[in-house]
Amino acid sequence: MVRPAQQPALDDGDRQLLEQLNRLRSATIPVLCDVMGVTATAVRIRITRLQAAGMIQRETIKADRGRPHHEYKVTQSGLAAMGSNYSELALILWRELAKIPDAKVRQDVVASLKQNLVGQYGAGVSGSSPSQRLEQLKNTLVEKGFNVEIDLKQELPILRENNCPYIELASSDPSICQLEQTVFEEILGVSVKLTNCCLDGHHCCEFELTPLATGK
């Protein structure tokens, strides 16, 4: 459900380019333009961004005649990014988890999942105050591909997710929202309230910190 640090979120065009490039093993920009039906400028923009992220590498091919030309190929990091959409698998696993007949076993599995998420998202969170930890948590989530920001304009600090990272999963079982809330609470060390949720028709999910978090 998360992406490797420092990698940009892939849109449909990025995935199409990576998939076509991987299918061809390597290709020039003109070839990619032909197979994708887009302009050279559009291809170059995507290649430049994905190359900077380490998902594509360029090779200089020296021909027997004429000038050398450049070909591009997908890196191991690019292959990993292409396979990083685990939403369907996560949905299946979550549904199977809910079917575990023994309530104690089910609770233990959810508790273990929660601690894993706390460890993953909270590894770089060590601030002495809630406000410092909130900033560190935001930075960690951004590095992992989340579209999040902090809103300090309201009465209480808000961690805002501009798009739900688990929308398919949450649509099937809203309890994932509560799990995410408790994960944030444990990392930040203060109570957190989910005040807005995409499932309720809002354009974002907002987690509001308690008054104890303000400037302390």
Protein backbone atom coordinates (compact mmCIF):
# COMPACT_ATOMS: atom_id res chain seq x y z
CA MET A 1 0.00 0.00 0.00
CA VAL A 2 2.97 2.22 0.10
CA ARG A 3 5.61 3.17 -2.40
CA PRO A 4 9.39 3.25 -1.93
CA ALA A 5 10.82 6.46 -0.50
CA GLN A 6 11.53 9.33 -2.87
CA GLN A 7 9.69 7.74 -5.80
CA PRO A 8 6.97 9.80 -7.46
CA ALA A 9 3.44 8.50 -7.61
CA LEU A 10 2.82 6.87 -10.99
CA ASP A 11 -0.13 7.98 -13.07
CA ASP A 12 -1.66 5.94 -15.89
CA GLY A 13 0.65 7.52 -18.48
CA ASP A 14 3.74 6.64 -16.44
CA ARG A 15 2.63 3.04 -16.08
CA GLN A 16 1.85 2.78 -19.78
CA LEU A 17 5.30 4.07 -20.67
CA LEU A 18 7.03 1.68 -18.26
CA GLU A 19 4.94 -1.25 -19.44
CA GLN A 20 5.61 -0.55 -23.12
CA LEU A 21 9.30 0.01 -22.48
CA ASN A 22 9.54 -3.21 -20.51
CA ARG A 23 7.68 -5.12 -23.24
CA LEU A 24 10.11 -3.78 -25.86
CA ARG A 25 13.10 -4.41 -23.51
CA SER A 26 14.57 -1.12 -24.72
CA ALA A 27 13.43 1.59 -27.10
CA THR A 28 14.18 5.00 -28.53
CA ILE A 29 11.91 7.99 -28.05
CA PRO A 30 10.54 7.79 -31.63
CA VAL A 31 9.60 4.14 -31.09
CA LEU A 32 7.83 4.99 -27.84
CA CYS A 33 5.97 7.80 -29.60
CA ASP A 34 4.72 5.32 -32.20
CA VAL A 35 3.55 2.63 -29.77
CA MET A 36 1.96 5.09 -27.32
CA GLY A 37 0.52 7.48 -29.88
CA VAL A 38 1.83 10.61 -28.15
CA THR A 39 4.26 13.39 -28.99
CA ALA A 40 8.01 13.29 -28.46
CA THR A 41 7.69 16.13 -25.96
CA ALA A 42 5.23 14.18 -23.83
CA VAL A 43 7.49 11.12 -23.87
CA ARG A 44 10.59 13.15 -23.00
CA ILE A 45 8.87 14.80 -20.03
CA ARG A 46 7.89 11.44 -18.56
CA ILE A 47 11.25 9.84 -19.30
CA THR A 48 13.13 12.73 -17.68
CA ARG A 49 11.06 12.47 -14.51
CA LEU A 50 11.20 8.68 -14.32
CA GLN A 51 14.91 8.68 -15.12
CA ALA A 52 15.53 11.13 -12.26
CA ALA A 53 13.61 8.76 -9.98
CA GLY A 54 15.82 5.85 -11.06
CA MET A 55 13.03 3.94 -12.82
CA ILE A 56 14.47 4.33 -16.33
CA GLN A 57 18.06 4.28 -17.53
CA ARG A 58 19.54 5.54 -20.78
CA GLU A 59 22.06 3.67 -22.90
CA THR A 60 24.10 5.09 -25.75
CA ILE A 61 24.11 2.74 -28.73
CA LYS A 62 27.00 3.12 -31.15
CA ALA A 63 25.95 2.20 -34.68
CA ASP A 64 28.30 0.98 -37.42
CA ARG A 65 27.18 3.90 -39.51
CA GLY A 66 25.80 7.25 -38.53
CA ARG A 67 25.66 8.92 -35.16
CA PRO A 68 25.14 7.05 -31.87
CA HIS A 69 21.59 7.09 -30.53
CA HIS A 70 19.99 6.72 -27.11
CA GLU A 71 17.79 3.85 -26.00
CA TYR A 72 15.92 3.60 -22.73
CA LYS A 73 15.09 0.62 -20.55
CA VAL A 74 13.29 -0.03 -17.26
CA THR A 75 15.48 -0.43 -14.16
CA GLN A 76 14.87 -2.80 -11.25
CA SER A 77 13.41 0.14 -9.36
CA GLY A 78 11.04 0.75 -12.25
CA LEU A 79 9.97 -2.88 -12.29
CA ALA A 80 9.26 -2.70 -8.57
CA ALA A 81 7.20 0.48 -9.05
CA MET A 82 5.18 -1.17 -11.82
CA GLY A 83 4.19 -3.91 -9.40
CA SER A 84 3.53 -1.67 -6.42
CA ASN A 85 -0.25 -1.46 -6.84
CA TYR A 86 -1.32 -3.89 -4.14
CA SER A 87 -4.83 -2.52 -3.61
CA GLU A 88 -6.59 -5.61 -4.97
CA LEU A 89 -4.44 -7.99 -2.93
CA ALA A 90 -4.87 -5.85 0.20
CA LEU A 91 -8.64 -5.88 -0.28
CA ILE A 92 -8.69 -9.68 -0.57
CA LEU A 93 -6.47 -10.13 2.50
CA TRP A 94 -8.53 -7.70 4.57
CA ARG A 95 -11.76 -9.49 3.67
CA GLU A 96 -10.22 -12.85 4.57
CA LEU A 97 -9.03 -11.38 7.87
CA ALA A 98 -12.60 -10.36 8.69
CA LYS A 99 -13.69 -13.98 8.14
CA ILE A 100 -11.46 -15.38 10.89
CA PRO A 101 -14.02 -16.97 13.24
CA ASP A 102 -11.98 -16.63 16.45
CA ALA A 103 -12.38 -13.03 17.62
CA LYS A 104 -9.21 -13.18 19.73
CA VAL A 105 -7.12 -14.38 16.80
CA ARG A 106 -8.65 -11.72 14.57
CA GLN A 107 -7.87 -9.00 17.12
CA ASP A 108 -4.30 -10.25 17.51
CA VAL A 109 -3.73 -10.12 13.75
CA VAL A 110 -5.11 -6.56 13.52
CA ALA A 111 -2.96 -5.53 16.49
CA SER A 112 0.11 -6.98 14.78
CA LEU A 113 -0.77 -5.13 11.57
CA LYS A 114 -1.15 -1.91 13.53
CA GLN A 115 2.28 -2.28 15.14
CA ASN A 116 3.85 -2.96 11.76
CA LEU A 117 2.33 0.26 10.39
CA VAL A 118 3.46 2.18 13.47
CA GLY A 119 6.98 0.86 12.95
CA GLN A 120 6.97 1.70 9.26
CA TYR A 121 5.48 5.20 9.45
CA GLY A 122 6.92 6.14 12.82
CA ALA A 123 10.53 5.03 12.29
CA GLY A 124 11.72 8.58 11.66
CA VAL A 125 9.44 10.26 14.18
CA SER A 126 11.35 11.22 17.32
CA GLY A 127 10.40 14.83 18.09
CA SER A 128 10.02 15.91 21.70
CA SER A 129 6.70 17.68 21.06
CA PRO A 130 3.53 16.62 19.21
CA SER A 131 4.02 19.42 16.69
CA GLN A 132 7.53 18.19 15.86
CA ARG A 133 6.33 14.61 15.57
CA LEU A 134 3.46 15.73 13.34
CA GLU A 135 5.90 17.40 10.94
CA GLN A 136 8.15 14.33 10.93
CA LEU A 137 5.19 12.02 10.32
CA LYS A 138 4.04 14.17 7.40
CA ASN A 139 7.53 14.08 5.88
CA THR A 140 7.68 10.30 6.20
CA LEU A 141 4.27 9.85 4.59
CA VAL A 142 5.21 12.18 1.71
CA GLU A 143 8.40 10.17 1.13
CA LYS A 144 6.28 7.03 0.92
CA GLY A 145 4.03 8.51 -1.74
CA PHE A 146 1.15 9.89 0.33
CA ASN A 147 -0.36 13.23 -0.68
CA VAL A 148 -0.53 14.82 2.78
CA GLU A 149 -0.10 18.24 4.34
CA ILE A 150 -0.38 19.94 7.71
CA ASP A 151 -2.99 22.66 8.28
CA LEU A 152 -2.16 25.00 11.16
CA LYS A 153 -4.75 27.62 10.18
CA GLN A 154 -7.52 25.94 12.16
CA GLU A 155 -7.99 26.00 15.93
CA LEU A 156 -6.28 22.61 16.21
CA PRO A 157 -3.49 21.11 14.04
CA ILE A 158 -4.77 18.93 11.19
CA LEU A 159 -3.02 16.24 9.21
CA ARG A 160 -4.77 16.24 5.84
CA GLU A 161 -4.70 13.42 3.29
CA ASN A 162 -5.67 15.00 -0.01
CA ASN A 163 -6.64 11.60 -1.36
CA CYS A 164 -7.47 8.46 0.57
CA PRO A 165 -4.59 5.95 0.26
CA TYR A 166 -6.94 3.04 1.01
CA ILE A 167 -10.10 4.11 -0.80
CA GLU A 168 -11.03 0.68 -2.20
CA LEU A 169 -10.28 -1.01 1.09
CA ALA A 170 -12.12 1.62 3.13
CA SER A 171 -15.13 1.44 0.81
CA SER A 172 -15.36 -2.26 1.60
CA ASP A 173 -14.71 -1.88 5.33
CA PRO A 174 -14.57 1.58 6.98
CA SER A 175 -12.79 0.11 10.01
CA ILE A 176 -9.51 0.63 8.12
CA CYS A 177 -10.03 4.36 8.78
CA GLN A 178 -10.14 3.68 12.51
CA LEU A 179 -6.99 1.59 12.23
CA GLU A 180 -5.17 4.44 10.49
CA GLN A 181 -6.38 6.84 13.17
CA THR A 182 -5.01 4.66 15.98
CA VAL A 183 -1.70 4.27 14.11
CA PHE A 184 -1.34 8.07 13.96
CA GLU A 185 -2.29 8.36 17.63
CA GLU A 186 0.43 5.95 18.72
CA ILE A 187 3.07 7.63 16.57
CA LEU A 188 2.15 11.17 17.69
CA GLY A 189 1.49 10.32 21.33
CA VAL A 190 -1.76 12.30 21.46
CA SER A 191 -5.41 11.62 20.71
CA VAL A 192 -6.42 12.06 17.06
CA LYS A 193 -9.93 12.52 15.68
CA LEU A 194 -10.97 11.78 12.10
CA THR A 195 -13.07 14.87 11.39
CA ASN A 196 -13.44 14.54 7.59
CA CYS A 197 -13.39 11.37 5.52
CA CYS A 198 -13.47 10.72 1.77
CA LEU A 199 -16.03 7.98 2.39
CA ASP A 200 -18.47 10.63 3.62
CA GLY A 201 -18.14 12.63 0.41
CA HIS A 202 -15.40 14.99 1.56
CA HIS A 203 -12.58 15.80 -0.86
CA CYS A 204 -9.98 14.74 1.72
CA CYS A 205 -9.43 12.93 5.00
CA GLU A 206 -8.55 15.13 7.98
CA PHE A 207 -7.08 13.98 11.28
CA GLU A 208 -7.40 16.60 14.01
CA LEU A 209 -5.05 16.56 16.98
CA THR A 210 -6.30 17.19 20.50
CA PRO A 211 -5.76 20.52 22.32
CA LEU A 212 -2.77 18.90 24.10
CA ALA A 213 -0.94 18.95 20.76
CA THR A 214 -1.04 22.69 20.22
CA GLY A 215 2.45 24.09 20.62
CA LYS A 216 3.41 21.67 23.37
